[in-house]
Amino acid sequence: MLTSDVLAMDETPIKAGRKAKGKMREAYFWPLYGDAEEISFTYAATRARAHIEATLAEHFAGVLLTDGYATYARFAEARAPITHAQCWAHTRRGFERALDS
């Protein structure tokens, strides 16, 4: 999957583990979607850039397709073989909101 030319990545909050009695801890699944339509769900306790670094830094060189979360753009800027591309659906939302203006 990490040899894909284009890799889509996202982060999705989940409730995982007990924070206190009656309260769940928030954590994140980080799904990856590769060229051959394979899917992997990585896990991290936070939404921090460190998880992107640990997952992709040494192994991926290509186009990283993501939503508008700025951490992805900053990660790609620091990695020459990675080109950051944002999802068209997220871009379209801004134009749709502007229509009423």
PDB file of N, CA and C in Angstrom:
ATOM      1  N   MET A   1       0.814  -1.187   0.000  1.00  0.00           N
ATOM      2  CA  MET A   1       0.000   0.000   0.000  1.00  0.00           C
ATOM      3  C   MET A   1       0.867   1.265   0.000  1.00  0.00           C
ATOM      4  N   LEU A   2       1.946   1.270   0.759  1.00  0.00           N
ATOM      5  CA  LEU A   2       2.804   2.453   0.839  1.00  0.00           C
ATOM      6  C   LEU A   2       3.630   2.666  -0.424  1.00  0.00           C
ATOM      7  N   THR A   3       3.575   1.731  -1.370  1.00  0.00           N
ATOM      8  CA  THR A   3       4.233   1.918  -2.664  1.00  0.00           C
ATOM      9  C   THR A   3       3.267   2.499  -3.692  1.00  0.00           C
ATOM     10  N   SER A   4       2.055   2.834  -3.295  1.00  0.00           N
ATOM     11  CA  SER A   4       1.061   3.438  -4.190  1.00  0.00           C
ATOM     12  C   SER A   4       1.563   4.781  -4.697  1.00  0.00           C
ATOM     13  N   ASP A   5       1.155   5.145  -5.927  1.00  0.00           N
ATOM     14  CA  ASP A   5       1.470   6.475  -6.446  1.00  0.00           C
ATOM     15  C   ASP A   5       0.603   7.534  -5.765  1.00  0.00           C
ATOM     16  N   VAL A   6      -0.652   7.158  -5.438  1.00  0.00           N
ATOM     17  CA  VAL A   6      -1.571   8.049  -4.740  1.00  0.00           C
ATOM     18  C   VAL A   6      -2.088   7.311  -3.518  1.00  0.00           C
ATOM     19  N   LEU A   7      -2.025   7.971  -2.384  1.00  0.00           N
ATOM     20  CA  LEU A   7      -2.489   7.388  -1.128  1.00  0.00           C
ATOM     21  C   LEU A   7      -3.435   8.383  -0.461  1.00  0.00           C
ATOM     22  N   ALA A   8      -4.637   7.941  -0.161  1.00  0.00           N
ATOM     23  CA  ALA A   8      -5.598   8.788   0.548  1.00  0.00           C
ATOM     24  C   ALA A   8      -5.510   8.485   2.042  1.00  0.00           C
ATOM     25  N   MET A   9      -5.552   9.531   2.855  1.00  0.00           N
ATOM     26  CA  MET A   9      -5.441   9.365   4.309  1.00  0.00           C
ATOM     27  C   MET A   9      -6.418  10.310   4.991  1.00  0.00           C
ATOM     28  N   ASP A  10      -6.968   9.862   6.101  1.00  0.00           N
ATOM     29  CA  ASP A  10      -7.904  10.678   6.870  1.00  0.00           C
ATOM     30  C   ASP A  10      -7.759  10.290   8.337  1.00  0.00           C
ATOM     31  N   GLU A  11      -8.393  11.059   9.200  1.00  0.00           N
ATOM     32  CA  GLU A  11      -8.430  10.704  10.623  1.00  0.00           C
ATOM     33  C   GLU A  11      -9.877  10.793  11.081  1.00  0.00           C
ATOM     34  N   THR A  12     -10.295   9.786  11.821  1.00  0.00           N
ATOM     35  CA  THR A  12     -11.681   9.691  12.254  1.00  0.00           C
ATOM     36  C   THR A  12     -11.727   9.454  13.757  1.00  0.00           C
ATOM     37  N   PRO A  13     -12.381  10.334  14.510  1.00  0.00           N
ATOM     38  CA  PRO A  13     -12.438  10.141  15.959  1.00  0.00           C
ATOM     39  C   PRO A  13     -13.306   8.937  16.331  1.00  0.00           C
ATOM     40  N   ILE A  14     -12.875   8.235  17.358  1.00  0.00           N
ATOM     41  CA  ILE A  14     -13.627   7.105  17.892  1.00  0.00           C
ATOM     42  C   ILE A  14     -13.558   7.170  19.415  1.00  0.00           C
ATOM     43  N   LYS A  15     -14.433   6.462  20.061  1.00  0.00           N
ATOM     44  CA  LYS A  15     -14.365   6.306  21.512  1.00  0.00           C
ATOM     45  C   LYS A  15     -13.687   4.968  21.771  1.00  0.00           C
ATOM     46  N   ALA A  16     -12.577   5.011  22.475  1.00  0.00           N
ATOM     47  CA  ALA A  16     -11.806   3.782  22.707  1.00  0.00           C
ATOM     48  C   ALA A  16     -11.148   3.842  24.078  1.00  0.00           C
ATOM     49  N   GLY A  17     -11.514   2.957  24.935  1.00  0.00           N
ATOM     50  CA  GLY A  17     -10.913   2.905  26.265  1.00  0.00           C
ATOM     51  C   GLY A  17     -11.644   3.802  27.248  1.00  0.00           C
ATOM     52  N   ARG A  18     -11.493   3.470  28.466  1.00  0.00           N
ATOM     53  CA  ARG A  18     -12.204   4.175  29.532  1.00  0.00           C
ATOM     54  C   ARG A  18     -11.360   5.338  30.057  1.00  0.00           C
ATOM     55  N   LYS A  19     -11.948   6.519  30.060  1.00  0.00           N
ATOM     56  CA  LYS A  19     -11.280   7.712  30.593  1.00  0.00           C
ATOM     57  C   LYS A  19     -11.552   7.827  32.087  1.00  0.00           C
ATOM     58  N   ALA A  20     -12.782   7.615  32.458  1.00  0.00           N
ATOM     59  CA  ALA A  20     -13.226   7.642  33.846  1.00  0.00           C
ATOM     60  C   ALA A  20     -14.547   6.885  33.892  1.00  0.00           C
ATOM     61  N   LYS A  21     -15.051   6.659  35.065  1.00  0.00           N
ATOM     62  CA  LYS A  21     -16.309   5.931  35.177  1.00  0.00           C
ATOM     63  C   LYS A  21     -17.403   6.636  34.367  1.00  0.00           C
ATOM     64  N   GLY A  22     -17.959   5.907  33.414  1.00  0.00           N
ATOM     65  CA  GLY A  22     -19.021   6.448  32.582  1.00  0.00           C
ATOM     66  C   GLY A  22     -18.545   7.335  31.446  1.00  0.00           C
ATOM     67  N   LYS A  23     -17.237   7.494  31.259  1.00  0.00           N
ATOM     68  CA  LYS A  23     -16.690   8.342  30.191  1.00  0.00           C
ATOM     69  C   LYS A  23     -15.664   7.563  29.377  1.00  0.00           C
ATOM     70  N   MET A  24     -15.768   7.714  28.054  1.00  0.00           N
ATOM     71  CA  MET A  24     -14.839   7.041  27.148  1.00  0.00           C
ATOM     72  C   MET A  24     -13.756   8.024  26.698  1.00  0.00           C
ATOM     73  N   ARG A  25     -12.609   7.496  26.409  1.00  0.00           N
ATOM     74  CA  ARG A  25     -11.479   8.273  25.902  1.00  0.00           C
ATOM     75  C   ARG A  25     -11.623   8.431  24.385  1.00  0.00           C
ATOM     76  N   GLU A  26     -11.293   9.607  23.863  1.00  0.00           N
ATOM     77  CA  GLU A  26     -11.324   9.799  22.420  1.00  0.00           C
ATOM     78  C   GLU A  26      -9.977   9.393  21.837  1.00  0.00           C
ATOM     79  N   ALA A  27     -10.031   8.671  20.734  1.00  0.00           N
ATOM     80  CA  ALA A  27      -8.837   8.251  20.002  1.00  0.00           C
ATOM     81  C   ALA A  27      -9.159   8.392  18.517  1.00  0.00           C
ATOM     82  N   TYR A  28      -8.274   7.905  17.649  1.00  0.00           N
ATOM     83  CA  TYR A  28      -8.459   8.098  16.210  1.00  0.00           C
ATOM     84  C   TYR A  28      -8.084   6.860  15.409  1.00  0.00           C
ATOM     85  N   PHE A  29      -8.942   6.546  14.432  1.00  0.00           N
ATOM     86  CA  PHE A  29      -8.565   5.650  13.354  1.00  0.00           C
ATOM     87  C   PHE A  29      -8.051   6.541  12.241  1.00  0.00           C
ATOM     88  N   TRP A  30      -6.990   6.099  11.585  1.00  0.00           N
ATOM     89  CA  TRP A  30      -6.409   6.821  10.461  1.00  0.00           C
ATOM     90  C   TRP A  30      -6.473   5.899   9.242  1.00  0.00           C
ATOM     91  N   PRO A  31      -7.592   5.882   8.506  1.00  0.00           N
ATOM     92  CA  PRO A  31      -7.678   5.003   7.348  1.00  0.00           C
ATOM     93  C   PRO A  31      -6.760   5.452   6.218  1.00  0.00           C
ATOM     94  N   LEU A  32      -6.177   4.472   5.551  1.00  0.00           N
ATOM     95  CA  LEU A  32      -5.353   4.691   4.364  1.00  0.00           C
ATOM     96  C   LEU A  32      -5.992   3.923   3.214  1.00  0.00           C
ATOM     97  N   TYR A  33      -6.016   4.540   2.024  1.00  0.00           N
ATOM     98  CA  TYR A  33      -6.604   3.903   0.845  1.00  0.00           C
ATOM     99  C   TYR A  33      -5.586   3.991  -0.278  1.00  0.00           C
ATOM    100  N   GLY A  34      -5.156   2.834  -0.799  1.00  0.00           N
ATOM    101  CA  GLY A  34      -4.105   2.791  -1.803  1.00  0.00           C
ATOM    102  C   GLY A  34      -4.594   2.590  -3.221  1.00  0.00           C
ATOM    103  N   ASP A  35      -3.645   2.613  -4.171  1.00  0.00           N
ATOM    104  CA  ASP A  35      -3.921   2.474  -5.602  1.00  0.00           C
ATOM    105  C   ASP A  35      -4.693   1.213  -5.968  1.00  0.00           C
ATOM    106  N   ALA A  36      -4.403   0.125  -5.316  1.00  0.00           N
ATOM    107  CA  ALA A  36      -5.034  -1.158  -5.648  1.00  0.00           C
ATOM    108  C   ALA A  36      -6.335  -1.358  -4.862  1.00  0.00           C
ATOM    109  N   GLU A  37      -6.923  -0.243  -4.404  1.00  0.00           N
ATOM    110  CA  GLU A  37      -8.168  -0.246  -3.641  1.00  0.00           C
ATOM    111  C   GLU A  37      -8.073  -1.018  -2.329  1.00  0.00           C
ATOM    112  N   GLU A  38      -6.875  -1.075  -1.775  1.00  0.00           N
ATOM    113  CA  GLU A  38      -6.713  -1.694  -0.466  1.00  0.00           C
ATOM    114  C   GLU A  38      -6.913  -0.640   0.607  1.00  0.00           C
ATOM    115  N   ILE A  39      -7.400  -1.071   1.760  1.00  0.00           N
ATOM    116  CA  ILE A  39      -7.682  -0.169   2.868  1.00  0.00           C
ATOM    117  C   ILE A  39      -7.007  -0.692   4.131  1.00  0.00           C
ATOM    118  N   SER A  40      -6.415   0.226   4.872  1.00  0.00           N
ATOM    119  CA  SER A  40      -5.797  -0.114   6.147  1.00  0.00           C
ATOM    120  C   SER A  40      -6.282   0.902   7.175  1.00  0.00           C
ATOM    121  N   PHE A  41      -6.575   0.439   8.370  1.00  0.00           N
ATOM    122  CA  PHE A  41      -6.982   1.333   9.448  1.00  0.00           C
ATOM    123  C   PHE A  41      -5.898   1.329  10.506  1.00  0.00           C
ATOM    124  N   THR A  42      -5.124   2.412  10.572  1.00  0.00           N
ATOM    125  CA  THR A  42      -4.139   2.548  11.637  1.00  0.00           C
ATOM    126  C   THR A  42      -4.821   3.236  12.809  1.00  0.00           C
ATOM    127  N   TYR A  43      -4.219   3.152  13.968  1.00  0.00           N
ATOM    128  CA  TYR A  43      -4.815   3.676  15.199  1.00  0.00           C
ATOM    129  C   TYR A  43      -3.812   4.551  15.922  1.00  0.00           C
ATOM    130  N   ALA A  44      -4.306   5.630  16.519  1.00  0.00           N
ATOM    131  CA  ALA A  44      -3.470   6.465  17.383  1.00  0.00           C
ATOM    132  C   ALA A  44      -4.340   7.069  18.478  1.00  0.00           C
ATOM    133  N   ALA A  45      -3.736   7.315  19.594  1.00  0.00           N
ATOM    134  CA  ALA A  45      -4.458   7.916  20.719  1.00  0.00           C
ATOM    135  C   ALA A  45      -4.719   9.406  20.504  1.00  0.00           C
ATOM    136  N   THR A  46      -4.016  10.019  19.526  1.00  0.00           N
ATOM    137  CA  THR A  46      -4.175  11.460  19.278  1.00  0.00           C
ATOM    138  C   THR A  46      -4.314  11.731  17.783  1.00  0.00           C
ATOM    139  N   ARG A  47      -4.590  12.997  17.486  1.00  0.00           N
ATOM    140  CA  ARG A  47      -4.690  13.469  16.106  1.00  0.00           C
ATOM    141  C   ARG A  47      -3.381  14.149  15.678  1.00  0.00           C
ATOM    142  N   ALA A  48      -2.343  13.950  16.419  1.00  0.00           N
ATOM    143  CA  ALA A  48      -1.073  14.647  16.210  1.00  0.00           C
ATOM    144  C   ALA A  48      -0.347  14.194  14.942  1.00  0.00           C
ATOM    145  N   ARG A  49       0.469  15.102  14.421  1.00  0.00           N
ATOM    146  CA  ARG A  49       1.283  14.837  13.236  1.00  0.00           C
ATOM    147  C   ARG A  49       2.211  13.640  13.430  1.00  0.00           C
ATOM    148  N   ALA A  50       2.562  13.341  14.644  1.00  0.00           N
ATOM    149  CA  ALA A  50       3.485  12.229  14.919  1.00  0.00           C
ATOM    150  C   ALA A  50       2.986  10.920  14.313  1.00  0.00           C
ATOM    151  N   HIS A  51       1.677  10.727  14.262  1.00  0.00           N
ATOM    152  CA  HIS A  51       1.160   9.488  13.673  1.00  0.00           C
ATOM    153  C   HIS A  51       1.365   9.462  12.159  1.00  0.00           C
ATOM    154  N   ILE A  52       1.184  10.599  11.508  1.00  0.00           N
ATOM    155  CA  ILE A  52       1.442  10.681  10.063  1.00  0.00           C
ATOM    156  C   ILE A  52       2.911  10.395   9.804  1.00  0.00           C
ATOM    157  N   GLU A  53       3.774  11.008  10.585  1.00  0.00           N
ATOM    158  CA  GLU A  53       5.228  10.787  10.457  1.00  0.00           C
ATOM    159  C   GLU A  53       5.574   9.310  10.607  1.00  0.00           C
ATOM    160  N   ALA A  54       5.056   8.694  11.659  1.00  0.00           N
ATOM    161  CA  ALA A  54       5.383   7.287  11.930  1.00  0.00           C
ATOM    162  C   ALA A  54       4.854   6.361  10.833  1.00  0.00           C
ATOM    163  N   THR A  55       3.732   6.711  10.247  1.00  0.00           N
ATOM    164  CA  THR A  55       3.116   5.846   9.243  1.00  0.00           C
ATOM    165  C   THR A  55       3.733   6.018   7.860  1.00  0.00           C
ATOM    166  N   LEU A  56       4.053   7.258   7.476  1.00  0.00           N
ATOM    167  CA  LEU A  56       4.460   7.521   6.098  1.00  0.00           C
ATOM    168  C   LEU A  56       5.903   7.963   5.878  1.00  0.00           C
ATOM    169  N   ALA A  57       6.534   8.591   6.837  1.00  0.00           N
ATOM    170  CA  ALA A  57       7.800   9.297   6.619  1.00  0.00           C
ATOM    171  C   ALA A  57       8.868   8.483   5.904  1.00  0.00           C
ATOM    172  N   GLU A  58       9.091   7.278   6.292  1.00  0.00           N
ATOM    173  CA  GLU A  58      10.182   6.473   5.719  1.00  0.00           C
ATOM    174  C   GLU A  58       9.753   5.641   4.519  1.00  0.00           C
ATOM    175  N   HIS A  59       8.437   5.541   4.281  1.00  0.00           N
ATOM    176  CA  HIS A  59       7.975   4.528   3.340  1.00  0.00           C
ATOM    177  C   HIS A  59       7.185   5.033   2.143  1.00  0.00           C
ATOM    178  N   PHE A  60       6.711   6.261   2.166  1.00  0.00           N
ATOM    179  CA  PHE A  60       5.824   6.716   1.097  1.00  0.00           C
ATOM    180  C   PHE A  60       6.428   7.866   0.314  1.00  0.00           C
ATOM    181  N   ALA A  61       6.299   7.799  -1.029  1.00  0.00           N
ATOM    182  CA  ALA A  61       6.700   8.879  -1.926  1.00  0.00           C
ATOM    183  C   ALA A  61       5.668   8.913  -3.049  1.00  0.00           C
ATOM    184  N   GLY A  62       4.853   9.943  -3.085  1.00  0.00           N
ATOM    185  CA  GLY A  62       3.814  10.047  -4.101  1.00  0.00           C
ATOM    186  C   GLY A  62       2.863  11.165  -3.749  1.00  0.00           C
ATOM    187  N   VAL A  63       1.619  11.058  -4.196  1.00  0.00           N
ATOM    188  CA  VAL A  63       0.597  12.060  -3.917  1.00  0.00           C
ATOM    189  C   VAL A  63      -0.197  11.620  -2.696  1.00  0.00           C
ATOM    190  N   LEU A  64      -0.263  12.489  -1.702  1.00  0.00           N
ATOM    191  CA  LEU A  64      -1.033  12.237  -0.495  1.00  0.00           C
ATOM    192  C   LEU A  64      -2.331  13.030  -0.589  1.00  0.00           C
ATOM    193  N   LEU A  65      -3.438  12.330  -0.723  1.00  0.00           N
ATOM    194  CA  LEU A  65      -4.755  12.941  -0.876  1.00  0.00           C
ATOM    195  C   LEU A  65      -5.444  12.973   0.485  1.00  0.00           C
ATOM    196  N   THR A  66      -5.831  14.182   0.936  1.00  0.00           N
ATOM    197  CA  THR A  66      -6.409  14.335   2.273  1.00  0.00           C
ATOM    198  C   THR A  66      -7.519  15.378   2.261  1.00  0.00           C
ATOM    199  N   ASP A  67      -8.120  15.564   3.439  1.00  0.00           N
ATOM    200  CA  ASP A  67      -9.056  16.662   3.629  1.00  0.00           C
ATOM    201  C   ASP A  67      -8.260  17.931   3.930  1.00  0.00           C
ATOM    202  N   GLY A  68      -8.920  18.942   4.451  1.00  0.00           N
ATOM    203  CA  GLY A  68      -8.270  20.230   4.676  1.00  0.00           C
ATOM    204  C   GLY A  68      -7.495  20.376   5.970  1.00  0.00           C
ATOM    205  N   TYR A  69      -7.321  19.308   6.730  1.00  0.00           N
ATOM    206  CA  TYR A  69      -6.568  19.374   7.987  1.00  0.00           C
ATOM    207  C   TYR A  69      -5.134  19.823   7.679  1.00  0.00           C
ATOM    208  N   ALA A  70      -4.737  20.977   8.170  1.00  0.00           N
ATOM    209  CA  ALA A  70      -3.470  21.618   7.809  1.00  0.00           C
ATOM    210  C   ALA A  70      -2.239  20.791   8.144  1.00  0.00           C
ATOM    211  N   THR A  71      -2.336  19.883   9.067  1.00  0.00           N
ATOM    212  CA  THR A  71      -1.189  19.056   9.447  1.00  0.00           C
ATOM    213  C   THR A  71      -0.678  18.233   8.272  1.00  0.00           C
ATOM    214  N   TYR A  72      -1.572  17.774   7.412  1.00  0.00           N
ATOM    215  CA  TYR A  72      -1.140  17.010   6.229  1.00  0.00           C
ATOM    216  C   TYR A  72      -0.291  17.877   5.306  1.00  0.00           C
ATOM    217  N   ALA A  73      -0.714  19.117   5.077  1.00  0.00           N
ATOM    218  CA  ALA A  73       0.033  20.026   4.204  1.00  0.00           C
ATOM    219  C   ALA A  73       1.412  20.314   4.776  1.00  0.00           C
ATOM    220  N   ARG A  74       1.485  20.559   6.075  1.00  0.00           N
ATOM    221  CA  ARG A  74       2.786  20.827   6.701  1.00  0.00           C
ATOM    222  C   ARG A  74       3.694  19.600   6.628  1.00  0.00           C
ATOM    223  N   PHE A  75       3.131  18.415   6.814  1.00  0.00           N
ATOM    224  CA  PHE A  75       3.905  17.184   6.700  1.00  0.00           C
ATOM    225  C   PHE A  75       4.474  17.049   5.285  1.00  0.00           C
ATOM    226  N   ALA A  76       3.634  17.245   4.264  1.00  0.00           N
ATOM    227  CA  ALA A  76       4.074  17.086   2.872  1.00  0.00           C
ATOM    228  C   ALA A  76       5.121  18.123   2.481  1.00  0.00           C
ATOM    229  N   GLU A  77       5.000  19.353   2.983  1.00  0.00           N
ATOM    230  CA  GLU A  77       5.981  20.401   2.681  1.00  0.00           C
ATOM    231  C   GLU A  77       7.381  20.013   3.136  1.00  0.00           C
ATOM    232  N   ALA A  78       7.460  19.262   4.209  1.00  0.00           N
ATOM    233  CA  ALA A  78       8.758  18.858   4.760  1.00  0.00           C
ATOM    234  C   ALA A  78       9.317  17.606   4.090  1.00  0.00           C
ATOM    235  N   ARG A  79       8.563  16.990   3.180  1.00  0.00           N
ATOM    236  CA  ARG A  79       8.972  15.742   2.523  1.00  0.00           C
ATOM    237  C   ARG A  79       8.937  15.921   1.013  1.00  0.00           C
ATOM    238  N   ALA A  80      10.086  16.159   0.400  1.00  0.00           N
ATOM    239  CA  ALA A  80      10.173  16.428  -1.037  1.00  0.00           C
ATOM    240  C   ALA A  80       9.515  15.368  -1.921  1.00  0.00           C
ATOM    241  N   PRO A  81       9.602  14.079  -1.626  1.00  0.00           N
ATOM    242  CA  PRO A  81       8.977  13.129  -2.553  1.00  0.00           C
ATOM    243  C   PRO A  81       7.454  13.030  -2.402  1.00  0.00           C
ATOM    244  N   ILE A  82       6.864  13.814  -1.495  1.00  0.00           N
ATOM    245  CA  ILE A  82       5.421  13.757  -1.285  1.00  0.00           C
ATOM    246  C   ILE A  82       4.778  15.047  -1.790  1.00  0.00           C
ATOM    247  N   THR A  83       3.729  14.873  -2.592  1.00  0.00           N
ATOM    248  CA  THR A  83       2.937  16.001  -3.080  1.00  0.00           C
ATOM    249  C   THR A  83       1.584  15.940  -2.390  1.00  0.00           C
ATOM    250  N   HIS A  84       1.187  17.042  -1.788  1.00  0.00           N
ATOM    251  CA  HIS A  84      -0.099  17.070  -1.093  1.00  0.00           C
ATOM    252  C   HIS A  84      -1.206  17.505  -2.042  1.00  0.00           C
ATOM    253  N   ALA A  85      -2.317  16.784  -2.033  1.00  0.00           N
ATOM    254  CA  ALA A  85      -3.506  17.144  -2.814  1.00  0.00           C
ATOM    255  C   ALA A  85      -4.709  17.079  -1.887  1.00  0.00           C
ATOM    256  N   GLN A  86      -5.565  18.090  -1.977  1.00  0.00           N
ATOM    257  CA  GLN A  86      -6.765  18.083  -1.146  1.00  0.00           C
ATOM    258  C   GLN A  86      -7.944  17.518  -1.924  1.00  0.00           C
ATOM    259  N   CYS A  87      -8.831  16.897  -1.204  1.00  0.00           N
ATOM    260  CA  CYS A  87     -10.034  16.277  -1.753  1.00  0.00           C
ATOM    261  C   CYS A  87     -10.927  17.329  -2.413  1.00  0.00           C
ATOM    262  N   TRP A  88     -11.392  17.059  -3.635  1.00  0.00           N
ATOM    263  CA  TRP A  88     -12.259  17.989  -4.345  1.00  0.00           C
ATOM    264  C   TRP A  88     -13.573  18.223  -3.597  1.00  0.00           C
ATOM    265  N   ALA A  89     -14.081  17.219  -2.918  1.00  0.00           N
ATOM    266  CA  ALA A  89     -15.338  17.386  -2.181  1.00  0.00           C
ATOM    267  C   ALA A  89     -15.185  18.455  -1.104  1.00  0.00           C
ATOM    268  N   HIS A  90     -14.038  18.483  -0.436  1.00  0.00           N
ATOM    269  CA  HIS A  90     -13.818  19.502   0.588  1.00  0.00           C
ATOM    270  C   HIS A  90     -13.651  20.883  -0.050  1.00  0.00           C
ATOM    271  N   THR A  91     -13.027  20.956  -1.195  1.00  0.00           N
ATOM    272  CA  THR A  91     -12.870  22.222  -1.903  1.00  0.00           C
ATOM    273  C   THR A  91     -14.228  22.742  -2.358  1.00  0.00           C
ATOM    274  N   ARG A  92     -15.067  21.846  -2.882  1.00  0.00           N
ATOM    275  CA  ARG A  92     -16.383  22.219  -3.388  1.00  0.00           C
ATOM    276  C   ARG A  92     -17.251  22.855  -2.293  1.00  0.00           C
ATOM    277  N   ARG A  93     -17.114  22.384  -1.064  1.00  0.00           N
ATOM    278  CA  ARG A  93     -17.935  22.916   0.034  1.00  0.00           C
ATOM    279  C   ARG A  93     -17.776  24.425   0.191  1.00  0.00           C
ATOM    280  N   GLY A  94     -16.548  24.905   0.034  1.00  0.00           N
ATOM    281  CA  GLY A  94     -16.313  26.336   0.143  1.00  0.00           C
ATOM    282  C   GLY A  94     -17.036  27.124  -0.941  1.00  0.00           C
ATOM    283  N   PHE A  95     -17.052  26.591  -2.152  1.00  0.00           N
ATOM    284  CA  PHE A  95     -17.773  27.267  -3.238  1.00  0.00           C
ATOM    285  C   PHE A  95     -19.284  27.225  -2.996  1.00  0.00           C
ATOM    286  N   GLU A  96     -19.783  26.124  -2.499  1.00  0.00           N
ATOM    287  CA  GLU A  96     -21.217  26.015  -2.218  1.00  0.00           C
ATOM    288  C   GLU A  96     -21.649  27.001  -1.146  1.00  0.00           C
ATOM    289  N   ARG A  97     -20.819  27.181  -0.110  1.00  0.00           N
ATOM    290  CA  ARG A  97     -21.144  28.161   0.935  1.00  0.00           C
ATOM    291  C   ARG A  97     -21.124  29.589   0.371  1.00  0.00           C
ATOM    292  N   ALA A  98     -20.261  29.832  -0.601  1.00  0.00           N
ATOM    293  CA  ALA A  98     -20.127  31.167  -1.191  1.00  0.00           C
ATOM    294  C   ALA A  98     -21.300  31.518  -2.106  1.00  0.00           C
ATOM    295  N   LEU A  99     -22.028  30.533  -2.597  1.00  0.00           N
ATOM    296  CA  LEU A  99     -23.144  30.800  -3.501  1.00  0.00           C
ATOM    297  C   LEU A  99     -24.190  31.733  -2.896  1.00  0.00           C
ATOM    298  N   ASP A 100     -24.424  31.619  -1.615  1.00  0.00           N
ATOM    299  CA  ASP A 100     -25.434  32.449  -0.952  1.00  0.00           C
ATOM    300  C   ASP A 100     -24.967  33.893  -0.736  1.00  0.00           C
ATOM    301  N   SER A 101     -23.703  34.143  -0.947  1.00  0.00           N
ATOM    302  CA  SER A 101     -23.161  35.500  -0.726  1.00  0.00           C
ATOM    303  C   SER A 101     -23.452  36.361  -1.915  1.00  0.00           C
TER     304      SER A 101
END
